[in-house]
Amino acid sequence: MTGEPLNSQPNANEAQAQSDPETVLRQWRTSILNGFLAFVALASLPALIMAVVNAVESGTMGPLIYVLILCGVALIVLAVGRRLPSSLRVWCVVGIGYLAATANVTQGGLNGSPPLYLLAIPVLTLVLAGRRAGLAIALLSAVIATVATILRTQGVLADLPATRSPWVGYSTTIMFLMIVIGLLTHLHRLQERLVRDERNVQVELRKAQAALYNARLYAAARQARAAAEQANSV
């Protein structure tokens, strides 16, 4: 008699876990992380190549380019390091993004690509790490933007190099456009799946309610018929 409750308890816990929003989001983040990191690494290559080519042609190979190369190599390592913990890989991507953002800030403040980094990184963090992490990272972006503006107005940060090609900014913009839209597309697919699953549950619930209602009507009719037959026999 105790076997049924013991067997049904894990099923109930499993169903509750599958319906928990945080559990669903955590499983979804884990499922898309490998493909997304590979996509980020590939999307960043054209921008990195363009920056290196521009620096070589203009003779301005400096710390910024070496930092960007380091960031590109780190992204590739994270993309292929699938055995690393998911949270570690996500926060490493965030750190790489801010390292590249800070390196670019030193080359002209908020002019150029830094605003793209400071806007895109909190969006990625919000989707991949959760609401609190996203809000904290957004605050960090605001602090970096504030400090960069103050330093720029005081003349601490120099203007963008005149030798910088417009194609560098173009490739960086396309990179962030691809990354953000790619991630939001994954999120949109999750929303579509959840809405579809919810509608399917509602349909099944209506069917169950209709079946229960019909069963009650049938039982009531049988009871009324039995009562009538008993009254006639008397």
C-alpha atoms as a PDB file:
ATOM      1  CA  MET A   1       0.000   0.000   0.000  1.00  0.00           C
ATOM      2  CA  THR A   2       2.961   2.307   0.520  1.00  0.00           C
ATOM      3  CA  GLY A   3       4.495   1.579  -2.895  1.00  0.00           C
ATOM      4  CA  GLU A   4       2.285   3.968  -4.863  1.00  0.00           C
ATOM      5  CA  PRO A   5       3.004   7.137  -2.821  1.00  0.00           C
ATOM      6  CA  LEU A   6       6.745   6.376  -2.889  1.00  0.00           C
ATOM      7  CA  ASN A   7       6.687   6.014  -6.677  1.00  0.00           C
ATOM      8  CA  SER A   8       4.498   9.021  -7.265  1.00  0.00           C
ATOM      9  CA  GLN A   9       6.563  11.385  -5.100  1.00  0.00           C
ATOM     10  CA  PRO A  10       9.591  11.560  -7.469  1.00  0.00           C
ATOM     11  CA  ASN A  11       7.250  12.076 -10.411  1.00  0.00           C
ATOM     12  CA  ALA A  12       5.566  14.958  -8.624  1.00  0.00           C
ATOM     13  CA  ASN A  13       8.920  16.513  -7.734  1.00  0.00           C
ATOM     14  CA  GLU A  14      10.144  16.098 -11.315  1.00  0.00           C
ATOM     15  CA  ALA A  15       7.007  17.722 -12.722  1.00  0.00           C
ATOM     16  CA  GLN A  16       7.335  20.598 -10.257  1.00  0.00           C
ATOM     17  CA  ALA A  17      10.986  21.095 -11.228  1.00  0.00           C
ATOM     18  CA  GLN A  18      10.119  21.119 -14.923  1.00  0.00           C
ATOM     19  CA  SER A  19       7.454  23.774 -14.333  1.00  0.00           C
ATOM     20  CA  ASP A  20       9.737  26.018 -12.245  1.00  0.00           C
ATOM     21  CA  PRO A  21      10.729  29.078 -14.347  1.00  0.00           C
ATOM     22  CA  GLU A  22      14.311  29.203 -13.033  1.00  0.00           C
ATOM     23  CA  THR A  23      14.813  25.500 -13.760  1.00  0.00           C
ATOM     24  CA  VAL A  24      13.457  25.886 -17.283  1.00  0.00           C
ATOM     25  CA  LEU A  25      15.698  28.895 -17.947  1.00  0.00           C
ATOM     26  CA  ARG A  26      18.741  27.148 -16.499  1.00  0.00           C
ATOM     27  CA  GLN A  27      18.214  24.113 -18.703  1.00  0.00           C
ATOM     28  CA  TRP A  28      17.661  26.325 -21.736  1.00  0.00           C
ATOM     29  CA  ARG A  29      20.824  28.345 -21.071  1.00  0.00           C
ATOM     30  CA  THR A  30      22.855  25.173 -20.766  1.00  0.00           C
ATOM     31  CA  SER A  31      21.394  23.768 -23.983  1.00  0.00           C
ATOM     32  CA  ILE A  32      22.249  26.832 -26.108  1.00  0.00           C
ATOM     33  CA  LEU A  33      25.564  27.776 -24.520  1.00  0.00           C
ATOM     34  CA  ASN A  34      27.858  25.606 -26.654  1.00  0.00           C
ATOM     35  CA  GLY A  35      26.383  26.760 -29.948  1.00  0.00           C
ATOM     36  CA  PHE A  36      26.146  30.376 -28.844  1.00  0.00           C
ATOM     37  CA  LEU A  37      29.776  30.601 -27.708  1.00  0.00           C
ATOM     38  CA  ALA A  38      30.910  29.094 -31.001  1.00  0.00           C
ATOM     39  CA  PHE A  39      28.779  31.679 -32.796  1.00  0.00           C
ATOM     40  CA  VAL A  40      30.282  34.511 -30.710  1.00  0.00           C
ATOM     41  CA  ALA A  41      33.816  33.337 -31.483  1.00  0.00           C
ATOM     42  CA  LEU A  42      33.092  33.184 -35.212  1.00  0.00           C
ATOM     43  CA  ALA A  43      31.236  36.516 -35.254  1.00  0.00           C
ATOM     44  CA  SER A  44      34.147  38.276 -33.546  1.00  0.00           C
ATOM     45  CA  LEU A  45      36.777  37.060 -36.011  1.00  0.00           C
ATOM     46  CA  PRO A  46      35.991  39.507 -38.865  1.00  0.00           C
ATOM     47  CA  ALA A  47      36.105  42.501 -36.499  1.00  0.00           C
ATOM     48  CA  LEU A  48      39.371  41.279 -35.005  1.00  0.00           C
ATOM     49  CA  ILE A  49      40.923  40.661 -38.418  1.00  0.00           C
ATOM     50  CA  MET A  50      39.839  44.100 -39.615  1.00  0.00           C
ATOM     51  CA  ALA A  51      41.360  45.772 -36.544  1.00  0.00           C
ATOM     52  CA  VAL A  52      44.660  43.903 -36.955  1.00  0.00           C
ATOM     53  CA  VAL A  53      44.861  44.645 -40.694  1.00  0.00           C
ATOM     54  CA  ASN A  54      44.154  48.330 -40.076  1.00  0.00           C
ATOM     55  CA  ALA A  55      46.808  48.484 -37.352  1.00  0.00           C
ATOM     56  CA  VAL A  56      49.401  46.753 -39.540  1.00  0.00           C
ATOM     57  CA  GLU A  57      48.704  49.007 -42.527  1.00  0.00           C
ATOM     58  CA  SER A  58      48.840  52.177 -40.413  1.00  0.00           C
ATOM     59  CA  GLY A  59      51.780  51.036 -38.283  1.00  0.00           C
ATOM     60  CA  THR A  60      49.812  51.438 -35.045  1.00  0.00           C
ATOM     61  CA  MET A  61      50.163  47.962 -33.560  1.00  0.00           C
ATOM     62  CA  GLY A  62      49.837  48.708 -29.860  1.00  0.00           C
ATOM     63  CA  PRO A  63      48.427  47.353 -26.585  1.00  0.00           C
ATOM     64  CA  LEU A  64      44.820  47.647 -27.795  1.00  0.00           C
ATOM     65  CA  ILE A  65      45.383  45.257 -30.703  1.00  0.00           C
ATOM     66  CA  TYR A  66      47.200  42.750 -28.514  1.00  0.00           C
ATOM     67  CA  VAL A  67      44.384  42.871 -25.960  1.00  0.00           C
ATOM     68  CA  LEU A  68      41.824  42.269 -28.727  1.00  0.00           C
ATOM     69  CA  ILE A  69      43.856  39.323 -30.023  1.00  0.00           C
ATOM     70  CA  LEU A  70      43.983  37.900 -26.502  1.00  0.00           C
ATOM     71  CA  CYS A  71      40.209  38.318 -26.210  1.00  0.00           C
ATOM     72  CA  GLY A  72      39.670  36.540 -29.514  1.00  0.00           C
ATOM     73  CA  VAL A  73      41.859  33.602 -28.486  1.00  0.00           C
ATOM     74  CA  ALA A  74      40.071  33.404 -25.114  1.00  0.00           C
ATOM     75  CA  LEU A  75      36.684  33.259 -26.847  1.00  0.00           C
ATOM     76  CA  ILE A  76      37.860  30.361 -28.996  1.00  0.00           C
ATOM     77  CA  VAL A  77      39.124  28.532 -25.895  1.00  0.00           C
ATOM     78  CA  LEU A  78      35.750  29.007 -24.178  1.00  0.00           C
ATOM     79  CA  ALA A  79      33.911  27.839 -27.281  1.00  0.00           C
ATOM     80  CA  VAL A  80      35.845  24.563 -27.447  1.00  0.00           C
ATOM     81  CA  GLY A  81      36.066  24.082 -23.661  1.00  0.00           C
ATOM     82  CA  ARG A  82      32.683  22.408 -23.350  1.00  0.00           C
ATOM     83  CA  ARG A  83      33.624  20.535 -20.187  1.00  0.00           C
ATOM     84  CA  LEU A  84      34.060  23.771 -18.267  1.00  0.00           C
ATOM     85  CA  PRO A  85      31.198  24.767 -15.936  1.00  0.00           C
ATOM     86  CA  SER A  86      28.533  26.763 -17.750  1.00  0.00           C
ATOM     87  CA  SER A  87      28.560  29.601 -15.223  1.00  0.00           C
ATOM     88  CA  LEU A  88      32.339  29.922 -15.530  1.00  0.00           C
ATOM     89  CA  ARG A  89      32.131  30.142 -19.319  1.00  0.00           C
ATOM     90  CA  VAL A  90      29.396  32.789 -19.160  1.00  0.00           C
ATOM     91  CA  TRP A  91      31.260  34.994 -16.698  1.00  0.00           C
ATOM     92  CA  CYS A  92      34.488  34.590 -18.643  1.00  0.00           C
ATOM     93  CA  VAL A  93      32.687  35.910 -21.726  1.00  0.00           C
ATOM     94  CA  VAL A  94      31.456  38.868 -19.673  1.00  0.00           C
ATOM     95  CA  GLY A  95      34.982  39.522 -18.409  1.00  0.00           C
ATOM     96  CA  ILE A  96      36.416  39.280 -21.928  1.00  0.00           C
ATOM     97  CA  GLY A  97      33.815  41.748 -23.139  1.00  0.00           C
ATOM     98  CA  TYR A  98      34.677  44.279 -20.460  1.00  0.00           C
ATOM     99  CA  LEU A  99      38.396  43.807 -21.053  1.00  0.00           C
ATOM    100  CA  ALA A 100      37.893  44.665 -24.721  1.00  0.00           C
ATOM    101  CA  ALA A 101      35.562  47.531 -23.790  1.00  0.00           C
ATOM    102  CA  THR A 102      38.073  49.024 -21.351  1.00  0.00           C
ATOM    103  CA  ALA A 103      40.873  48.710 -23.882  1.00  0.00           C
ATOM    104  CA  ASN A 104      38.771  50.579 -26.426  1.00  0.00           C
ATOM    105  CA  VAL A 105      37.780  53.233 -23.868  1.00  0.00           C
ATOM    106  CA  THR A 106      41.449  54.130 -23.428  1.00  0.00           C
ATOM    107  CA  GLN A 107      41.576  54.958 -27.143  1.00  0.00           C
ATOM    108  CA  GLY A 108      38.974  57.726 -27.200  1.00  0.00           C
ATOM    109  CA  GLY A 109      36.536  57.421 -24.317  1.00  0.00           C
ATOM    110  CA  LEU A 110      33.018  56.613 -25.449  1.00  0.00           C
ATOM    111  CA  ASN A 111      33.794  57.506 -29.061  1.00  0.00           C
ATOM    112  CA  GLY A 112      33.760  54.520 -31.376  1.00  0.00           C
ATOM    113  CA  SER A 113      32.824  51.011 -30.249  1.00  0.00           C
ATOM    114  CA  PRO A 114      32.809  51.208 -26.387  1.00  0.00           C
ATOM    115  CA  PRO A 115      29.081  52.081 -26.183  1.00  0.00           C
ATOM    116  CA  LEU A 116      28.310  48.906 -28.149  1.00  0.00           C
ATOM    117  CA  TYR A 117      30.210  46.819 -25.607  1.00  0.00           C
ATOM    118  CA  LEU A 118      28.631  48.584 -22.631  1.00  0.00           C
ATOM    119  CA  LEU A 119      25.142  48.056 -24.041  1.00  0.00           C
ATOM    120  CA  ALA A 120      25.482  44.518 -25.379  1.00  0.00           C
ATOM    121  CA  ILE A 121      27.251  42.920 -22.399  1.00  0.00           C
ATOM    122  CA  PRO A 122      24.409  43.572 -19.897  1.00  0.00           C
ATOM    123  CA  VAL A 123      21.891  42.206 -22.411  1.00  0.00           C
ATOM    124  CA  LEU A 124      23.919  39.000 -22.803  1.00  0.00           C
ATOM    125  CA  THR A 125      24.342  38.729 -19.035  1.00  0.00           C
ATOM    126  CA  LEU A 126      20.624  39.208 -18.430  1.00  0.00           C
ATOM    127  CA  VAL A 127      19.726  36.407 -20.819  1.00  0.00           C
ATOM    128  CA  LEU A 128      22.522  33.981 -19.911  1.00  0.00           C
ATOM    129  CA  ALA A 129      22.943  34.609 -16.160  1.00  0.00           C
ATOM    130  CA  GLY A 130      19.644  35.994 -14.906  1.00  0.00           C
ATOM    131  CA  ARG A 131      17.956  39.216 -13.864  1.00  0.00           C
ATOM    132  CA  ARG A 132      20.106  40.127 -10.867  1.00  0.00           C
ATOM    133  CA  ALA A 133      23.342  39.513 -12.738  1.00  0.00           C
ATOM    134  CA  GLY A 134      22.069  41.515 -15.694  1.00  0.00           C
ATOM    135  CA  LEU A 135      21.127  44.474 -13.507  1.00  0.00           C
ATOM    136  CA  ALA A 136      24.487  44.363 -11.717  1.00  0.00           C
ATOM    137  CA  ILE A 137      26.370  44.302 -15.018  1.00  0.00           C
ATOM    138  CA  ALA A 138      24.209  47.135 -16.354  1.00  0.00           C
ATOM    139  CA  LEU A 139      25.213  49.180 -13.311  1.00  0.00           C
ATOM    140  CA  LEU A 140      28.857  48.353 -14.007  1.00  0.00           C
ATOM    141  CA  SER A 141      28.451  49.566 -17.596  1.00  0.00           C
ATOM    142  CA  ALA A 142      26.933  52.799 -16.298  1.00  0.00           C
ATOM    143  CA  VAL A 143      29.879  53.286 -13.936  1.00  0.00           C
ATOM    144  CA  ILE A 144      32.410  52.676 -16.722  1.00  0.00           C
ATOM    145  CA  ALA A 145      30.559  55.094 -19.020  1.00  0.00           C
ATOM    146  CA  THR A 146      30.498  57.733 -16.264  1.00  0.00           C
ATOM    147  CA  VAL A 147      34.195  57.384 -15.483  1.00  0.00           C
ATOM    148  CA  ALA A 148      35.095  57.427 -19.191  1.00  0.00           C
ATOM    149  CA  THR A 149      33.098  60.611 -19.718  1.00  0.00           C
ATOM    150  CA  ILE A 150      34.729  62.349 -16.751  1.00  0.00           C
ATOM    151  CA  LEU A 151      38.211  61.350 -17.864  1.00  0.00           C
ATOM    152  CA  ARG A 152      37.465  62.433 -21.429  1.00  0.00           C
ATOM    153  CA  THR A 153      36.252  65.880 -20.349  1.00  0.00           C
ATOM    154  CA  GLN A 154      39.397  66.297 -18.260  1.00  0.00           C
ATOM    155  CA  GLY A 155      41.581  65.439 -21.241  1.00  0.00           C
ATOM    156  CA  VAL A 156      42.947  62.224 -19.728  1.00  0.00           C
ATOM    157  CA  LEU A 157      41.651  60.103 -22.624  1.00  0.00           C
ATOM    158  CA  ALA A 158      42.795  60.981 -26.129  1.00  0.00           C
ATOM    159  CA  ASP A 159      40.728  61.136 -29.304  1.00  0.00           C
ATOM    160  CA  LEU A 160      40.318  58.173 -31.618  1.00  0.00           C
ATOM    161  CA  PRO A 161      43.390  57.578 -33.780  1.00  0.00           C
ATOM    162  CA  ALA A 162      43.061  59.363 -37.102  1.00  0.00           C
ATOM    163  CA  THR A 163      44.439  56.268 -38.813  1.00  0.00           C
ATOM    164  CA  ARG A 164      41.488  54.128 -37.781  1.00  0.00           C
ATOM    165  CA  SER A 165      39.590  52.848 -40.788  1.00  0.00           C
ATOM    166  CA  PRO A 166      35.781  53.245 -40.892  1.00  0.00           C
ATOM    167  CA  TRP A 167      35.617  49.533 -41.689  1.00  0.00           C
ATOM    168  CA  VAL A 168      36.843  48.753 -38.184  1.00  0.00           C
ATOM    169  CA  GLY A 169      33.799  50.433 -36.686  1.00  0.00           C
ATOM    170  CA  TYR A 170      31.579  48.832 -39.297  1.00  0.00           C
ATOM    171  CA  SER A 171      32.830  45.304 -38.576  1.00  0.00           C
ATOM    172  CA  THR A 172      32.453  45.837 -34.816  1.00  0.00           C
ATOM    173  CA  THR A 173      28.879  47.036 -35.251  1.00  0.00           C
ATOM    174  CA  ILE A 174      28.009  44.021 -37.404  1.00  0.00           C
ATOM    175  CA  MET A 175      29.627  41.748 -34.816  1.00  0.00           C
ATOM    176  CA  PHE A 176      27.442  43.039 -31.992  1.00  0.00           C
ATOM    177  CA  LEU A 177      24.371  43.057 -34.206  1.00  0.00           C
ATOM    178  CA  MET A 178      24.877  39.380 -35.033  1.00  0.00           C
ATOM    179  CA  ILE A 179      25.602  38.374 -31.426  1.00  0.00           C
ATOM    180  CA  VAL A 180      22.680  40.217 -29.835  1.00  0.00           C
ATOM    181  CA  ILE A 181      20.158  39.228 -32.494  1.00  0.00           C
ATOM    182  CA  GLY A 182      21.396  35.630 -32.401  1.00  0.00           C
ATOM    183  CA  LEU A 183      20.898  35.433 -28.638  1.00  0.00           C
ATOM    184  CA  LEU A 184      17.509  37.146 -28.713  1.00  0.00           C
ATOM    185  CA  THR A 185      16.429  34.787 -31.491  1.00  0.00           C
ATOM    186  CA  HIS A 186      17.179  31.847 -29.187  1.00  0.00           C
ATOM    187  CA  LEU A 187      15.182  33.559 -26.452  1.00  0.00           C
ATOM    188  CA  HIS A 188      12.276  34.176 -28.812  1.00  0.00           C
ATOM    189  CA  ARG A 189      12.225  30.491 -29.744  1.00  0.00           C
ATOM    190  CA  LEU A 190      12.067  29.607 -26.049  1.00  0.00           C
ATOM    191  CA  GLN A 191       9.105  31.943 -25.587  1.00  0.00           C
ATOM    192  CA  GLU A 192       7.334  30.400 -28.572  1.00  0.00           C
ATOM    193  CA  ARG A 193       7.907  26.906 -27.166  1.00  0.00           C
ATOM    194  CA  LEU A 194       6.630  27.875 -23.721  1.00  0.00           C
ATOM    195  CA  VAL A 195       3.516  29.521 -25.173  1.00  0.00           C
ATOM    196  CA  ARG A 196       2.880  26.478 -27.366  1.00  0.00           C
ATOM    197  CA  ASP A 197       3.321  24.114 -24.410  1.00  0.00           C
ATOM    198  CA  GLU A 198       1.015  26.232 -22.263  1.00  0.00           C
ATOM    199  CA  ARG A 199      -1.683  26.196 -24.934  1.00  0.00           C
ATOM    200  CA  ASN A 200      -1.352  22.425 -25.276  1.00  0.00           C
ATOM    201  CA  VAL A 201      -1.769  22.069 -21.513  1.00  0.00           C
ATOM    202  CA  GLN A 202      -4.851  24.284 -21.605  1.00  0.00           C
ATOM    203  CA  VAL A 203      -6.356  22.207 -24.418  1.00  0.00           C
ATOM    204  CA  GLU A 204      -5.717  18.981 -22.512  1.00  0.00           C
ATOM    205  CA  LEU A 205      -7.173  20.545 -19.375  1.00  0.00           C
ATOM    206  CA  ARG A 206     -10.351  21.549 -21.215  1.00  0.00           C
ATOM    207  CA  LYS A 207     -10.644  18.018 -22.612  1.00  0.00           C
ATOM    208  CA  ALA A 208     -10.224  16.551 -19.134  1.00  0.00           C
ATOM    209  CA  GLN A 209     -12.808  18.951 -17.711  1.00  0.00           C
ATOM    210  CA  ALA A 210     -15.242  18.076 -20.483  1.00  0.00           C
ATOM    211  CA  ALA A 211     -14.690  14.354 -19.925  1.00  0.00           C
ATOM    212  CA  LEU A 212     -15.226  14.780 -16.176  1.00  0.00           C
ATOM    213  CA  TYR A 213     -18.382  16.783 -16.778  1.00  0.00           C
ATOM    214  CA  ASN A 214     -19.725  14.131 -19.154  1.00  0.00           C
ATOM    215  CA  ALA A 215     -18.857  11.388 -16.666  1.00  0.00           C
ATOM    216  CA  ARG A 216     -20.750  13.204 -13.930  1.00  0.00           C
ATOM    217  CA  LEU A 217     -23.741  13.688 -16.206  1.00  0.00           C
ATOM    218  CA  TYR A 218     -23.674   9.995 -17.111  1.00  0.00           C
ATOM    219  CA  ALA A 219     -23.431   8.988 -13.448  1.00  0.00           C
ATOM    220  CA  ALA A 220     -26.302  11.309 -12.531  1.00  0.00           C
ATOM    221  CA  ALA A 221     -28.408   9.929 -15.372  1.00  0.00           C
ATOM    222  CA  ARG A 222     -27.737   6.362 -14.242  1.00  0.00           C
ATOM    223  CA  GLN A 223     -28.681   7.234 -10.698  1.00  0.00           C
ATOM    224  CA  ALA A 224     -31.909   8.907 -11.863  1.00  0.00           C
ATOM    225  CA  ARG A 225     -32.736   5.921 -14.064  1.00  0.00           C
ATOM    226  CA  ALA A 226     -32.091   3.475 -11.193  1.00  0.00           C
ATOM    227  CA  ALA A 227     -34.265   5.534  -8.894  1.00  0.00           C
ATOM    228  CA  ALA A 228     -37.063   5.619 -11.443  1.00  0.00           C
ATOM    229  CA  GLU A 229     -36.865   1.880 -11.996  1.00  0.00           C
ATOM    230  CA  GLN A 230     -36.969   1.277  -8.256  1.00  0.00           C
ATOM    231  CA  ALA A 231     -40.003   3.528  -7.882  1.00  0.00           C
ATOM    232  CA  ASN A 232     -41.817   1.752 -10.698  1.00  0.00           C
ATOM    233  CA  SER A 233     -41.093  -1.651  -9.169  1.00  0.00           C
ATOM    234  CA  VAL A 234     -42.643  -0.570  -5.911  1.00  0.00           C
END
